[in-house]
Each structure stands twice: as structure tokens, then as C-alpha cells.
Amino acid sequence: MSFSKSKNLERKLDNFAKEAKNELNNVCGSSLWESLGFVFFDQLEESEKIAKANFYYGQLQIINEIRFSI
């Protein structure tokens, strides 16, 4: 992969990660989930919030896997 494509991919991954973290902060009401991980989501009262939190946490996991493999 060329240097410019690699940098472009990194920027895109950063944007996806920021969006996912912002959504998780909104759903969870704080950034405490960052230190506790997905266990924090069990504390949420609404099943819709739990599902949304799991979705965005999954996105972050995929982003990290992609970064690791580059």
C-alpha cells in the first residue's frame, strides 16, 4: 500500500473511531466505559441503549483489529 493510501486509511479509521467514541459517550452518559469496557453496558437500563453501545463498541474493536493488521 502506498504511503498516501496508508495515511488516508488512518484518517478514515480515526474518524470512525471518534464517531464511535462520541456515540458511546452519548449513550453511556460518560466516558467511564473506556476503562470498564463492554461490562459497563450491562449497567444501562434500556435495551436500545445496550444494543447501540454494543454496536459502537464492536466498531471500535474492528477498527483496532484493522490498525493492528496494517
Protein backbone atom coordinates (compact mmCIF):
# COMPACT_ATOMS: atom_id res chain seq x y z
CA MET A 1 0.00 0.00 0.00
CA SER A 2 1.35 3.42 -0.90
CA PHE A 3 2.17 5.95 1.78
CA SER A 4 -0.66 8.30 0.79
CA LYS A 5 -3.22 5.47 0.79
CA SER A 6 -1.98 4.35 4.18
CA LYS A 7 -2.31 7.87 5.61
CA ASN A 8 -5.77 8.21 4.08
CA LEU A 9 -6.84 4.91 5.65
CA GLU A 10 -5.50 6.03 9.04
CA ARG A 11 -7.51 9.28 8.81
CA LYS A 12 -10.66 7.36 7.93
CA LEU A 13 -10.13 4.94 10.79
CA ASP A 14 -9.55 7.87 13.17
CA ASN A 15 -12.80 9.48 12.02
CA PHE A 16 -14.73 6.23 12.51
CA ALA A 17 -13.20 5.77 15.96
CA LYS A 18 -14.04 9.34 17.01
CA GLU A 19 -17.63 8.92 15.86
CA ALA A 20 -17.97 5.61 17.71
CA LYS A 21 -16.48 7.08 20.91
CA ASN A 22 -18.77 10.11 20.72
CA GLU A 23 -21.81 7.87 20.29
CA LEU A 24 -20.70 5.69 23.19
CA ASN A 25 -20.20 8.74 25.39
CA ASN A 26 -23.71 9.93 24.48
CA VAL A 27 -25.34 6.56 25.09
CA CYS A 28 -23.48 5.89 28.34
CA GLY A 29 -23.60 9.46 29.64
CA SER A 30 -19.86 9.50 30.33
CA SER A 31 -16.54 8.09 29.17
CA LEU A 32 -16.41 5.58 32.03
CA TRP A 33 -16.99 2.78 29.51
CA GLU A 34 -13.43 3.33 28.25
CA SER A 35 -11.95 1.98 31.46
CA LEU A 36 -14.56 -0.71 32.10
CA GLY A 37 -15.18 -1.92 28.55
CA PHE A 38 -18.36 -3.63 27.47
CA VAL A 39 -19.14 -4.68 31.09
CA PHE A 40 -20.30 -1.09 31.63
CA PHE A 41 -23.11 -1.58 29.12
CA ASP A 42 -24.87 -4.04 31.42
CA GLN A 43 -25.50 -1.09 33.75
CA LEU A 44 -27.59 0.69 31.13
CA GLU A 45 -31.30 0.43 31.77
CA GLU A 46 -32.76 0.49 28.26
CA SER A 47 -32.21 -2.42 25.90
CA GLU A 48 -31.98 0.02 22.98
CA LYS A 49 -29.05 1.80 24.64
CA ILE A 50 -27.34 -1.52 25.37
CA ALA A 51 -27.71 -2.57 21.74
CA LYS A 52 -26.39 0.77 20.46
CA ALA A 53 -23.45 0.68 22.89
CA ASN A 54 -22.57 -2.88 21.84
CA PHE A 55 -22.74 -1.88 18.18
CA TYR A 56 -20.34 1.05 18.55
CA TYR A 57 -18.03 -0.88 20.86
CA GLY A 58 -17.89 -3.59 18.20
CA GLN A 59 -16.95 -0.95 15.63
CA LEU A 60 -14.07 0.18 17.84
CA GLN A 61 -12.87 -3.41 18.16
CA ILE A 62 -12.90 -3.82 14.37
CA ILE A 63 -11.03 -0.53 13.91
CA ASN A 64 -8.37 -1.70 16.37
CA GLU A 65 -8.03 -5.03 14.56
CA ILE A 66 -7.59 -3.24 11.23
CA ARG A 67 -4.96 -0.93 12.71
CA PHE A 68 -3.10 -3.89 14.14
CA SER A 69 -3.03 -5.65 10.79
CA ILE A 70 -1.74 -2.69 8.78
